[in-house]
Amino acid sequence: DRFAAFLASRGVEKGDCIALFLQNCPQYIIAHYGIQRLGATVVP
């Protein structure tokens, strides 16, 4: 939810593409679902 709030503050909206360029880590999980909580699209 905190990550989703950050994305919303940056103007991320439903349908926007946000990329994950990471190794395996908790940050990956958090960002993945934070992006989708706004209806945005995860791009691994």
PDB file of all heavy atoms in Angstrom:
ATOM      1  N   ASP A   1       0.822  -1.213   0.000  1.00  0.00           N
ATOM      2  CA  ASP A   1       0.000   0.000   0.000  1.00  0.00           C
ATOM      3  C   ASP A   1       0.856   1.263   0.000  1.00  0.00           C
ATOM      4  O   ASP A   1       0.512   2.264  -0.643  1.00  0.00           O
ATOM      5  CB  ASP A   1      -0.938   0.000   1.203  1.00  0.00           C
ATOM      6  CG  ASP A   1      -2.241  -0.742   0.928  1.00  0.00           C
ATOM      7  OD1 ASP A   1      -2.563  -0.939  -0.260  1.00  0.00           O
ATOM      8  OD2 ASP A   1      -2.930  -1.121   1.880  1.00  0.00           O
ATOM      9  N   ARG A   2       1.955   1.242   0.739  1.00  0.00           N
ATOM     10  CA  ARG A   2       2.846   2.407   0.750  1.00  0.00           C
ATOM     11  C   ARG A   2       3.491   2.610  -0.623  1.00  0.00           C
ATOM     12  O   ARG A   2       3.630   3.746  -1.092  1.00  0.00           O
ATOM     13  CB  ARG A   2       3.918   2.257   1.833  1.00  0.00           C
ATOM     14  CG  ARG A   2       3.396   2.419   3.255  1.00  0.00           C
ATOM     15  CD  ARG A   2       4.491   2.224   4.291  1.00  0.00           C
ATOM     16  NE  ARG A   2       3.987   2.361   5.645  1.00  0.00           N
ATOM     17  CZ  ARG A   2       3.896   3.510   6.311  1.00  0.00           C
ATOM     18  NH1 ARG A   2       4.333   4.643   5.743  1.00  0.00           N
ATOM     19  NH2 ARG A   2       3.419   3.554   7.538  1.00  0.00           N
ATOM     20  N   PHE A   3       3.868   1.506  -1.258  1.00  0.00           N
ATOM     21  CA  PHE A   3       4.465   1.625  -2.583  1.00  0.00           C
ATOM     22  C   PHE A   3       3.425   2.122  -3.588  1.00  0.00           C
ATOM     23  O   PHE A   3       3.723   2.947  -4.461  1.00  0.00           O
ATOM     24  CB  PHE A   3       5.047   0.281  -3.042  1.00  0.00           C
ATOM     25  CG  PHE A   3       5.910   0.399  -4.265  1.00  0.00           C
ATOM     26  CD1 PHE A   3       7.220   0.844  -4.175  1.00  0.00           C
ATOM     27  CD2 PHE A   3       5.406   0.096  -5.519  1.00  0.00           C
ATOM     28  CE1 PHE A   3       8.012   0.981  -5.300  1.00  0.00           C
ATOM     29  CE2 PHE A   3       6.185   0.226  -6.654  1.00  0.00           C
ATOM     30  CZ  PHE A   3       7.490   0.671  -6.548  1.00  0.00           C
ATOM     31  N   ALA A   4       2.201   1.639  -3.478  1.00  0.00           N
ATOM     32  CA  ALA A   4       1.131   2.105  -4.356  1.00  0.00           C
ATOM     33  C   ALA A   4       0.889   3.598  -4.164  1.00  0.00           C
ATOM     34  O   ALA A   4       0.642   4.332  -5.141  1.00  0.00           O
ATOM     35  CB  ALA A   4      -0.146   1.317  -4.082  1.00  0.00           C
ATOM     36  N   ALA A   5       0.966   4.060  -2.911  1.00  0.00           N
ATOM     37  CA  ALA A   5       0.782   5.494  -2.641  1.00  0.00           C
ATOM     38  C   ALA A   5       1.888   6.311  -3.297  1.00  0.00           C
ATOM     39  O   ALA A   5       1.634   7.396  -3.844  1.00  0.00           O
ATOM     40  CB  ALA A   5       0.769   5.739  -1.135  1.00  0.00           C
ATOM     41  N   PHE A   6       3.114   5.808  -3.258  1.00  0.00           N
ATOM     42  CA  PHE A   6       4.211   6.501  -3.941  1.00  0.00           C
ATOM     43  C   PHE A   6       3.933   6.598  -5.439  1.00  0.00           C
ATOM     44  O   PHE A   6       4.080   7.668  -6.045  1.00  0.00           O
ATOM     45  CB  PHE A   6       5.538   5.770  -3.708  1.00  0.00           C
ATOM     46  CG  PHE A   6       6.566   6.060  -4.765  1.00  0.00           C
ATOM     47  CD1 PHE A   6       7.239   7.267  -4.786  1.00  0.00           C
ATOM     48  CD2 PHE A   6       6.832   5.124  -5.771  1.00  0.00           C
ATOM     49  CE1 PHE A   6       8.166   7.556  -5.780  1.00  0.00           C
ATOM     50  CE2 PHE A   6       7.756   5.401  -6.757  1.00  0.00           C
ATOM     51  CZ  PHE A   6       8.424   6.621  -6.767  1.00  0.00           C
ATOM     52  N   LEU A   7       3.536   5.473  -6.040  1.00  0.00           N
ATOM     53  CA  LEU A   7       3.258   5.476  -7.478  1.00  0.00           C
ATOM     54  C   LEU A   7       2.146   6.474  -7.813  1.00  0.00           C
ATOM     55  O   LEU A   7       2.236   7.213  -8.800  1.00  0.00           O
ATOM     56  CB  LEU A   7       2.861   4.076  -7.939  1.00  0.00           C
ATOM     57  CG  LEU A   7       3.941   2.988  -7.887  1.00  0.00           C
ATOM     58  CD1 LEU A   7       3.346   1.634  -8.274  1.00  0.00           C
ATOM     59  CD2 LEU A   7       5.129   3.315  -8.784  1.00  0.00           C
ATOM     60  N   ALA A   8       1.093   6.492  -6.991  1.00  0.00           N
ATOM     61  CA  ALA A   8      -0.006   7.422  -7.232  1.00  0.00           C
ATOM     62  C   ALA A   8       0.480   8.868  -7.152  1.00  0.00           C
ATOM     63  O   ALA A   8       0.055   9.728  -7.938  1.00  0.00           O
ATOM     64  CB  ALA A   8      -1.125   7.178  -6.226  1.00  0.00           C
ATOM     65  N   SER A   9       1.419   9.130  -6.224  1.00  0.00           N
ATOM     66  CA  SER A   9       1.956  10.489  -6.096  1.00  0.00           C
ATOM     67  C   SER A   9       2.765  10.895  -7.316  1.00  0.00           C
ATOM     68  O   SER A   9       2.969  12.087  -7.569  1.00  0.00           O
ATOM     69  CB  SER A   9       2.827  10.595  -4.840  1.00  0.00           C
ATOM     70  OG  SER A   9       4.093   9.948  -5.025  1.00  0.00           O
ATOM     71  N   ARG A  10       3.231   9.919  -8.065  1.00  0.00           N
ATOM     72  CA  ARG A  10       3.986  10.169  -9.287  1.00  0.00           C
ATOM     73  C   ARG A  10       3.095  10.150 -10.534  1.00  0.00           C
ATOM     74  O   ARG A  10       3.602  10.136 -11.656  1.00  0.00           O
ATOM     75  CB  ARG A  10       5.091   9.117  -9.432  1.00  0.00           C
ATOM     76  CG  ARG A  10       6.226   9.293  -8.429  1.00  0.00           C
ATOM     77  CD  ARG A  10       7.108  10.428  -8.863  1.00  0.00           C
ATOM     78  NE  ARG A  10       8.076  10.818  -7.850  1.00  0.00           N
ATOM     79  CZ  ARG A  10       9.223  11.441  -8.105  1.00  0.00           C
ATOM     80  NH1 ARG A  10       9.522  11.721  -9.366  1.00  0.00           N
ATOM     81  NH2 ARG A  10      10.032  11.796  -7.150  1.00  0.00           N
ATOM     82  N   GLY A  11       1.817  10.100 -10.306  1.00  0.00           N
ATOM     83  CA  GLY A  11       0.887  10.171 -11.423  1.00  0.00           C
ATOM     84  C   GLY A  11       0.635   8.862 -12.135  1.00  0.00           C
ATOM     85  O   GLY A  11       0.061   8.842 -13.236  1.00  0.00           O
ATOM     86  N   VAL A  12       1.034   7.740 -11.534  1.00  0.00           N
ATOM     87  CA  VAL A  12       0.802   6.439 -12.163  1.00  0.00           C
ATOM     88  C   VAL A  12      -0.685   6.115 -12.099  1.00  0.00           C
ATOM     89  O   VAL A  12      -1.320   6.210 -11.036  1.00  0.00           O
ATOM     90  CB  VAL A  12       1.626   5.331 -11.482  1.00  0.00           C
ATOM     91  CG1 VAL A  12       1.268   3.956 -12.043  1.00  0.00           C
ATOM     92  CG2 VAL A  12       3.116   5.604 -11.655  1.00  0.00           C
ATOM     93  N   GLU A  13      -1.227   5.717 -13.230  1.00  0.00           N
ATOM     94  CA  GLU A  13      -2.648   5.422 -13.328  1.00  0.00           C
ATOM     95  C   GLU A  13      -2.863   4.040 -13.933  1.00  0.00           C
ATOM     96  O   GLU A  13      -1.922   3.401 -14.433  1.00  0.00           O
ATOM     97  CB  GLU A  13      -3.343   6.478 -14.199  1.00  0.00           C
ATOM     98  CG  GLU A  13      -3.246   7.894 -13.649  1.00  0.00           C
ATOM     99  CD  GLU A  13      -3.862   8.907 -14.590  1.00  0.00           C
ATOM    100  OE1 GLU A  13      -3.966   8.608 -15.808  1.00  0.00           O
ATOM    101  OE2 GLU A  13      -4.243  10.006 -14.127  1.00  0.00           O
ATOM    102  N   LYS A  14      -4.090   3.624 -13.904  1.00  0.00           N
ATOM    103  CA  LYS A  14      -4.483   2.351 -14.492  1.00  0.00           C
ATOM    104  C   LYS A  14      -4.002   2.264 -15.942  1.00  0.00           C
ATOM    105  O   LYS A  14      -4.199   3.201 -16.718  1.00  0.00           O
ATOM    106  CB  LYS A  14      -6.005   2.225 -14.434  1.00  0.00           C
ATOM    107  CG  LYS A  14      -6.578   0.926 -14.951  1.00  0.00           C
ATOM    108  CD  LYS A  14      -8.087   0.935 -14.743  1.00  0.00           C
ATOM    109  CE  LYS A  14      -8.751  -0.286 -15.318  1.00  0.00           C
ATOM    110  NZ  LYS A  14     -10.214  -0.272 -15.096  1.00  0.00           N
ATOM    111  N   GLY A  15      -3.327   1.173 -16.268  1.00  0.00           N
ATOM    112  CA  GLY A  15      -2.847   0.961 -17.629  1.00  0.00           C
ATOM    113  C   GLY A  15      -1.426   1.408 -17.875  1.00  0.00           C
ATOM    114  O   GLY A  15      -0.826   1.034 -18.890  1.00  0.00           O
ATOM    115  N   ASP A  16      -0.841   2.210 -16.965  1.00  0.00           N
ATOM    116  CA  ASP A  16       0.555   2.624 -17.136  1.00  0.00           C
ATOM    117  C   ASP A  16       1.489   1.433 -16.953  1.00  0.00           C
ATOM    118  O   ASP A  16       1.220   0.528 -16.153  1.00  0.00           O
ATOM    119  CB  ASP A  16       0.932   3.712 -16.121  1.00  0.00           C
ATOM    120  CG  ASP A  16       0.340   5.066 -16.463  1.00  0.00           C
ATOM    121  OD1 ASP A  16      -0.016   5.263 -17.642  1.00  0.00           O
ATOM    122  OD2 ASP A  16       0.228   5.916 -15.561  1.00  0.00           O
ATOM    123  N   CYS A  17       2.611   1.442 -17.667  1.00  0.00           N
ATOM    124  CA  CYS A  17       3.593   0.352 -17.586  1.00  0.00           C
ATOM    125  C   CYS A  17       4.730   0.735 -16.651  1.00  0.00           C
ATOM    126  O   CYS A  17       5.390   1.768 -16.858  1.00  0.00           O
ATOM    127  CB  CYS A  17       4.146   0.034 -18.967  1.00  0.00           C
ATOM    128  SG  CYS A  17       2.960  -0.779 -20.054  1.00  0.00           S
ATOM    129  N   ILE A  18       4.971  -0.092 -15.640  1.00  0.00           N
ATOM    130  CA  ILE A  18       6.067   0.100 -14.690  1.00  0.00           C
ATOM    131  C   ILE A  18       6.944  -1.145 -14.736  1.00  0.00           C
ATOM    132  O   ILE A  18       6.444  -2.268 -14.583  1.00  0.00           O
ATOM    133  CB  ILE A  18       5.551   0.323 -13.261  1.00  0.00           C
ATOM    134  CG1 ILE A  18       4.507   1.447 -13.225  1.00  0.00           C
ATOM    135  CG2 ILE A  18       6.718   0.624 -12.320  1.00  0.00           C
ATOM    136  CD1 ILE A  18       5.035   2.806 -13.640  1.00  0.00           C
ATOM    137  N   ALA A  19       8.239  -0.952 -14.952  1.00  0.00           N
ATOM    138  CA  ALA A  19       9.153  -2.081 -15.137  1.00  0.00           C
ATOM    139  C   ALA A  19       9.870  -2.456 -13.852  1.00  0.00           C
ATOM    140  O   ALA A  19      10.194  -1.587 -13.027  1.00  0.00           O
ATOM    141  CB  ALA A  19      10.173  -1.744 -16.224  1.00  0.00           C
ATOM    142  N   LEU A  20      10.138  -3.744 -13.700  1.00  0.00           N
ATOM    143  CA  LEU A  20      10.925  -4.273 -12.583  1.00  0.00           C
ATOM    144  C   LEU A  20      12.216  -4.843 -13.150  1.00  0.00           C
ATOM    145  O   LEU A  20      12.195  -5.777 -13.950  1.00  0.00           O
ATOM    146  CB  LEU A  20      10.144  -5.367 -11.850  1.00  0.00           C
ATOM    147  CG  LEU A  20       8.804  -4.960 -11.244  1.00  0.00           C
ATOM    148  CD1 LEU A  20       8.168  -6.146 -10.527  1.00  0.00           C
ATOM    149  CD2 LEU A  20       8.968  -3.790 -10.291  1.00  0.00           C
ATOM    150  N   PHE A  21      13.330  -4.249 -12.729  1.00  0.00           N
ATOM    151  CA  PHE A  21      14.656  -4.636 -13.213  1.00  0.00           C
ATOM    152  C   PHE A  21      15.483  -5.029 -11.999  1.00  0.00           C
ATOM    153  O   PHE A  21      16.351  -4.305 -11.543  1.00  0.00           O
ATOM    154  CB  PHE A  21      15.276  -3.456 -13.971  1.00  0.00           C
ATOM    155  CG  PHE A  21      16.535  -3.763 -14.737  1.00  0.00           C
ATOM    156  CD1 PHE A  21      16.671  -4.922 -15.480  1.00  0.00           C
ATOM    157  CD2 PHE A  21      17.587  -2.851 -14.737  1.00  0.00           C
ATOM    158  CE1 PHE A  21      17.834  -5.184 -16.187  1.00  0.00           C
ATOM    159  CE2 PHE A  21      18.750  -3.101 -15.445  1.00  0.00           C
ATOM    160  CZ  PHE A  21      18.874  -4.273 -16.165  1.00  0.00           C
ATOM    161  N   LEU A  22      15.158  -6.200 -11.446  1.00  0.00           N
ATOM    162  CA  LEU A  22      15.666  -6.615 -10.136  1.00  0.00           C
ATOM    163  C   LEU A  22      16.000  -8.096 -10.101  1.00  0.00           C
ATOM    164  O   LEU A  22      15.413  -8.889 -10.825  1.00  0.00           O
ATOM    165  CB  LEU A  22      14.590  -6.393  -9.058  1.00  0.00           C
ATOM    166  CG  LEU A  22      14.089  -5.009  -8.740  1.00  0.00           C
ATOM    167  CD1 LEU A  22      12.746  -5.120  -8.025  1.00  0.00           C
ATOM    168  CD2 LEU A  22      15.085  -4.273  -7.868  1.00  0.00           C
ATOM    169  N   GLN A  23      16.913  -8.441  -9.197  1.00  0.00           N
ATOM    170  CA  GLN A  23      17.082  -9.843  -8.814  1.00  0.00           C
ATOM    171  C   GLN A  23      15.945 -10.207  -7.863  1.00  0.00           C
ATOM    172  O   GLN A  23      15.165  -9.351  -7.434  1.00  0.00           O
ATOM    173  CB  GLN A  23      18.432 -10.039  -8.108  1.00  0.00           C
ATOM    174  CG  GLN A  23      19.643  -9.563  -8.878  1.00  0.00           C
ATOM    175  CD  GLN A  23      20.063 -10.505  -9.991  1.00  0.00           C
ATOM    176  OE1 GLN A  23      19.487 -11.578 -10.155  1.00  0.00           O
ATOM    177  NE2 GLN A  23      21.061 -10.115 -10.749  1.00  0.00           N
ATOM    178  N   ASN A  24      15.848 -11.473  -7.482  1.00  0.00           N
ATOM    179  CA  ASN A  24      14.863 -11.900  -6.495  1.00  0.00           C
ATOM    180  C   ASN A  24      15.101 -11.172  -5.173  1.00  0.00           C
ATOM    181  O   ASN A  24      16.238 -11.152  -4.665  1.00  0.00           O
ATOM    182  CB  ASN A  24      14.961 -13.404  -6.239  1.00  0.00           C
ATOM    183  CG  ASN A  24      14.554 -14.235  -7.428  1.00  0.00           C
ATOM    184  OD1 ASN A  24      14.254 -13.716  -8.498  1.00  0.00           O
ATOM    185  ND2 ASN A  24      14.554 -15.547  -7.252  1.00  0.00           N
ATOM    186  N   CYS A  25      14.061 -10.602  -4.604  1.00  0.00           N
ATOM    187  CA  CYS A  25      14.166  -9.898  -3.325  1.00  0.00           C
ATOM    188  C   CYS A  25      12.762  -9.522  -2.878  1.00  0.00           C
ATOM    189  O   CYS A  25      11.823  -9.513  -3.689  1.00  0.00           O
ATOM    190  CB  CYS A  25      15.039  -8.646  -3.451  1.00  0.00           C
ATOM    191  SG  CYS A  25      14.435  -7.453  -4.672  1.00  0.00           S
ATOM    192  N   PRO A  26      12.556  -9.184  -1.598  1.00  0.00           N
ATOM    193  CA  PRO A  26      11.221  -8.753  -1.153  1.00  0.00           C
ATOM    194  C   PRO A  26      10.731  -7.519  -1.895  1.00  0.00           C
ATOM    195  O   PRO A  26       9.523  -7.354  -2.110  1.00  0.00           O
ATOM    196  CB  PRO A  26      11.437  -8.460   0.340  1.00  0.00           C
ATOM    197  CG  PRO A  26      12.592  -9.314   0.736  1.00  0.00           C
ATOM    198  CD  PRO A  26      13.495  -9.324  -0.466  1.00  0.00           C
ATOM    199  N   GLN A  27      11.658  -6.638  -2.278  1.00  0.00           N
ATOM    200  CA  GLN A  27      11.265  -5.435  -3.010  1.00  0.00           C
ATOM    201  C   GLN A  27      10.525  -5.781  -4.294  1.00  0.00           C
ATOM    202  O   GLN A  27       9.639  -5.041  -4.729  1.00  0.00           O
ATOM    203  CB  GLN A  27      12.507  -4.586  -3.325  1.00  0.00           C
ATOM    204  CG  GLN A  27      13.228  -4.033  -2.093  1.00  0.00           C
ATOM    205  CD  GLN A  27      14.379  -4.908  -1.649  1.00  0.00           C
ATOM    206  OE1 GLN A  27      14.220  -6.114  -1.480  1.00  0.00           O
ATOM    207  NE2 GLN A  27      15.545  -4.310  -1.452  1.00  0.00           N
ATOM    208  N   TYR A  28      10.923  -6.888  -4.920  1.00  0.00           N
ATOM    209  CA  TYR A  28      10.267  -7.317  -6.157  1.00  0.00           C
ATOM    210  C   TYR A  28       8.791  -7.627  -5.881  1.00  0.00           C
ATOM    211  O   TYR A  28       7.900  -7.181  -6.614  1.00  0.00           O
ATOM    212  CB  TYR A  28      10.973  -8.554  -6.727  1.00  0.00           C
ATOM    213  CG  TYR A  28      10.635  -8.843  -8.168  1.00  0.00           C
ATOM    214  CD1 TYR A  28      11.559  -8.644  -9.178  1.00  0.00           C
ATOM    215  CD2 TYR A  28       9.376  -9.309  -8.529  1.00  0.00           C
ATOM    216  CE1 TYR A  28      11.244  -8.894 -10.506  1.00  0.00           C
ATOM    217  CE2 TYR A  28       9.050  -9.569  -9.849  1.00  0.00           C
ATOM    218  CZ  TYR A  28       9.996  -9.361 -10.837  1.00  0.00           C
ATOM    219  OH  TYR A  28       9.675  -9.596 -12.145  1.00  0.00           O
ATOM    220  N   ILE A  29       8.531  -8.399  -4.824  1.00  0.00           N
ATOM    221  CA  ILE A  29       7.160  -8.775  -4.474  1.00  0.00           C
ATOM    222  C   ILE A  29       6.325  -7.527  -4.169  1.00  0.00           C
ATOM    223  O   ILE A  29       5.204  -7.370  -4.659  1.00  0.00           O
ATOM    224  CB  ILE A  29       7.155  -9.702  -3.237  1.00  0.00           C
ATOM    225  CG1 ILE A  29       8.161 -10.856  -3.382  1.00  0.00           C
ATOM    226  CG2 ILE A  29       5.750 -10.195  -2.941  1.00  0.00           C
ATOM    227  CD1 ILE A  29       7.812 -11.889  -4.382  1.00  0.00           C
ATOM    228  N   ILE A  30       6.894  -6.652  -3.351  1.00  0.00           N
ATOM    229  CA  ILE A  30       6.185  -5.434  -2.929  1.00  0.00           C
ATOM    230  C   ILE A  30       5.848  -4.569  -4.140  1.00  0.00           C
ATOM    231  O   ILE A  30       4.708  -4.098  -4.288  1.00  0.00           O
ATOM    232  CB  ILE A  30       7.048  -4.650  -1.919  1.00  0.00           C
ATOM    233  CG1 ILE A  30       7.221  -5.459  -0.627  1.00  0.00           C
ATOM    234  CG2 ILE A  30       6.440  -3.282  -1.633  1.00  0.00           C
ATOM    235  CD1 ILE A  30       8.368  -4.981   0.241  1.00  0.00           C
ATOM    236  N   ALA A  31       6.827  -4.344  -5.003  1.00  0.00           N
ATOM    237  CA  ALA A  31       6.606  -3.488  -6.169  1.00  0.00           C
ATOM    238  C   ALA A  31       5.597  -4.123  -7.127  1.00  0.00           C
ATOM    239  O   ALA A  31       4.723  -3.433  -7.668  1.00  0.00           O
ATOM    240  CB  ALA A  31       7.928  -3.228  -6.880  1.00  0.00           C
ATOM    241  N   HIS A  32       5.706  -5.424  -7.343  1.00  0.00           N
ATOM    242  CA  HIS A  32       4.799  -6.123  -8.258  1.00  0.00           C
ATOM    243  C   HIS A  32       3.345  -5.870  -7.873  1.00  0.00           C
ATOM    244  O   HIS A  32       2.521  -5.453  -8.709  1.00  0.00           O
ATOM    245  CB  HIS A  32       5.115  -7.621  -8.228  1.00  0.00           C
ATOM    246  CG  HIS A  32       4.250  -8.475  -9.103  1.00  0.00           C
ATOM    247  ND1 HIS A  32       4.662  -8.935 -10.327  1.00  0.00           N
ATOM    248  CD2 HIS A  32       2.988  -8.957  -8.938  1.00  0.00           C
ATOM    249  CE1 HIS A  32       3.703  -9.657 -10.878  1.00  0.00           C
ATOM    250  NE2 HIS A  32       2.674  -9.687 -10.054  1.00  0.00           N
ATOM    251  N   TYR A  33       3.022  -6.116  -6.603  1.00  0.00           N
ATOM    252  CA  TYR A  33       1.628  -5.966  -6.186  1.00  0.00           C
ATOM    253  C   TYR A  33       1.247  -4.508  -5.949  1.00  0.00           C
ATOM    254  O   TYR A  33       0.072  -4.144  -6.090  1.00  0.00           O
ATOM    255  CB  TYR A  33       1.357  -6.830  -4.956  1.00  0.00           C
ATOM    256  CG  TYR A  33       1.335  -8.302  -5.310  1.00  0.00           C
ATOM    257  CD1 TYR A  33       2.306  -9.183  -4.833  1.00  0.00           C
ATOM    258  CD2 TYR A  33       0.367  -8.808  -6.164  1.00  0.00           C
ATOM    259  CE1 TYR A  33       2.298 -10.517  -5.180  1.00  0.00           C
ATOM    260  CE2 TYR A  33       0.348 -10.142  -6.526  1.00  0.00           C
ATOM    261  CZ  TYR A  33       1.310 -10.997  -6.035  1.00  0.00           C
ATOM    262  OH  TYR A  33       1.307 -12.325  -6.406  1.00  0.00           O
ATOM    263  N   GLY A  34       2.214  -3.654  -5.620  1.00  0.00           N
ATOM    264  CA  GLY A  34       1.928  -2.227  -5.504  1.00  0.00           C
ATOM    265  C   GLY A  34       1.525  -1.631  -6.841  1.00  0.00           C
ATOM    266  O   GLY A  34       0.611  -0.805  -6.927  1.00  0.00           O
ATOM    267  N   ILE A  35       2.213  -2.047  -7.898  1.00  0.00           N
ATOM    268  CA  ILE A  35       1.867  -1.599  -9.253  1.00  0.00           C
ATOM    269  C   ILE A  35       0.458  -2.050  -9.615  1.00  0.00           C
ATOM    270  O   ILE A  35      -0.381  -1.264 -10.083  1.00  0.00           O
ATOM    271  CB  ILE A  35       2.886  -2.162 -10.272  1.00  0.00           C
ATOM    272  CG1 ILE A  35       4.280  -1.555 -10.040  1.00  0.00           C
ATOM    273  CG2 ILE A  35       2.427  -1.901 -11.711  1.00  0.00           C
ATOM    274  CD1 ILE A  35       5.398  -2.317 -10.727  1.00  0.00           C
ATOM    275  N   GLN A  36       0.182  -3.319  -9.375  1.00  0.00           N
ATOM    276  CA  GLN A  36      -1.118  -3.865  -9.778  1.00  0.00           C
ATOM    277  C   GLN A  36      -2.259  -3.335  -8.913  1.00  0.00           C
ATOM    278  O   GLN A  36      -3.408  -3.284  -9.366  1.00  0.00           O
ATOM    279  CB  GLN A  36      -1.068  -5.394  -9.740  1.00  0.00           C
ATOM    280  CG  GLN A  36      -0.152  -5.980 -10.805  1.00  0.00           C
ATOM    281  CD  GLN A  36      -0.238  -7.480 -10.910  1.00  0.00           C
ATOM    282  OE1 GLN A  36      -0.624  -8.163  -9.969  1.00  0.00           O
ATOM    283  NE2 GLN A  36       0.137  -8.015 -12.056  1.00  0.00           N
ATOM    284  N   ARG A  37      -1.958  -2.904  -7.688  1.00  0.00           N
ATOM    285  CA  ARG A  37      -3.012  -2.347  -6.833  1.00  0.00           C
ATOM    286  C   ARG A  37      -3.599  -1.077  -7.435  1.00  0.00           C
ATOM    287  O   ARG A  37      -4.750  -0.726  -7.168  1.00  0.00           O
ATOM    288  CB  ARG A  37      -2.475  -2.092  -5.426  1.00  0.00           C
ATOM    289  CG  ARG A  37      -3.569  -1.827  -4.392  1.00  0.00           C
ATOM    290  CD  ARG A  37      -3.122  -2.152  -2.986  1.00  0.00           C
ATOM    291  NE  ARG A  37      -3.156  -3.594  -2.742  1.00  0.00           N
ATOM    292  CZ  ARG A  37      -2.851  -4.162  -1.569  1.00  0.00           C
ATOM    293  NH1 ARG A  37      -2.462  -3.399  -0.567  1.00  0.00           N
ATOM    294  NH2 ARG A  37      -2.912  -5.458  -1.414  1.00  0.00           N
ATOM    295  N   LEU A  38      -2.839  -0.386  -8.268  1.00  0.00           N
ATOM    296  CA  LEU A  38      -3.338   0.805  -8.951  1.00  0.00           C
ATOM    297  C   LEU A  38      -3.954   0.473 -10.307  1.00  0.00           C
ATOM    298  O   LEU A  38      -4.373   1.369 -11.036  1.00  0.00           O
ATOM    299  CB  LEU A  38      -2.204   1.816  -9.145  1.00  0.00           C
ATOM    300  CG  LEU A  38      -1.625   2.471  -7.895  1.00  0.00           C
ATOM    301  CD1 LEU A  38      -0.529   3.453  -8.280  1.00  0.00           C
ATOM    302  CD2 LEU A  38      -2.707   3.175  -7.096  1.00  0.00           C
ATOM    303  N   GLY A  39      -3.964  -0.819 -10.658  1.00  0.00           N
ATOM    304  CA  GLY A  39      -4.455  -1.201 -11.978  1.00  0.00           C
ATOM    305  C   GLY A  39      -3.421  -0.971 -13.061  1.00  0.00           C
ATOM    306  O   GLY A  39      -3.740  -1.061 -14.256  1.00  0.00           O
ATOM    307  N   ALA A  40      -2.200  -0.670 -12.659  1.00  0.00           N
ATOM    308  CA  ALA A  40      -1.116  -0.480 -13.623  1.00  0.00           C
ATOM    309  C   ALA A  40      -0.557  -1.837 -14.033  1.00  0.00           C
ATOM    310  O   ALA A  40      -0.916  -2.879 -13.485  1.00  0.00           O
ATOM    311  CB  ALA A  40      -0.029   0.413 -13.035  1.00  0.00           C
ATOM    312  N   THR A  41       0.368  -1.824 -15.000  1.00  0.00           N
ATOM    313  CA  THR A  41       0.860  -3.050 -15.619  1.00  0.00           C
ATOM    314  C   THR A  41       2.320  -3.303 -15.237  1.00  0.00           C
ATOM    315  O   THR A  41       3.175  -2.435 -15.427  1.00  0.00           O
ATOM    316  CB  THR A  41       0.749  -2.960 -17.147  1.00  0.00           C
ATOM    317  OG1 THR A  41      -0.612  -2.714 -17.505  1.00  0.00           O
ATOM    318  CG2 THR A  41       1.234  -4.238 -17.817  1.00  0.00           C
ATOM    319  N   VAL A  42       2.601  -4.491 -14.715  1.00  0.00           N
ATOM    320  CA  VAL A  42       3.966  -4.905 -14.378  1.00  0.00           C
ATOM    321  C   VAL A  42       4.678  -5.356 -15.651  1.00  0.00           C
ATOM    322  O   VAL A  42       4.163  -6.181 -16.406  1.00  0.00           O
ATOM    323  CB  VAL A  42       3.953  -6.058 -13.358  1.00  0.00           C
ATOM    324  CG1 VAL A  42       5.371  -6.591 -13.130  1.00  0.00           C
ATOM    325  CG2 VAL A  42       3.339  -5.605 -12.042  1.00  0.00           C
ATOM    326  N   VAL A  43       5.895  -4.813 -15.865  1.00  0.00           N
ATOM    327  CA  VAL A  43       6.730  -5.219 -16.996  1.00  0.00           C
ATOM    328  C   VAL A  43       8.029  -5.788 -16.430  1.00  0.00           C
ATOM    329  O   VAL A  43       8.936  -5.045 -16.058  1.00  0.00           O
ATOM    330  CB  VAL A  43       7.034  -4.038 -17.939  1.00  0.00           C
ATOM    331  CG1 VAL A  43       7.875  -4.520 -19.123  1.00  0.00           C
ATOM    332  CG2 VAL A  43       5.747  -3.388 -18.428  1.00  0.00           C
ATOM    333  N   PRO A  44       8.156  -7.117 -16.294  1.00  0.00           N
ATOM    334  CA  PRO A  44       9.394  -7.702 -15.764  1.00  0.00           C
ATOM    335  C   PRO A  44      10.513  -7.652 -16.797  1.00  0.00           C
ATOM    336  O   PRO A  44      10.307  -8.010 -17.956  1.00  0.00           O
ATOM    337  CB  PRO A  44       9.004  -9.137 -15.432  1.00  0.00           C
ATOM    338  CG  PRO A  44       7.810  -9.430 -16.274  1.00  0.00           C
ATOM    339  CD  PRO A  44       7.138  -8.131 -16.563  1.00  0.00           C
TER     340      PRO A  44
END
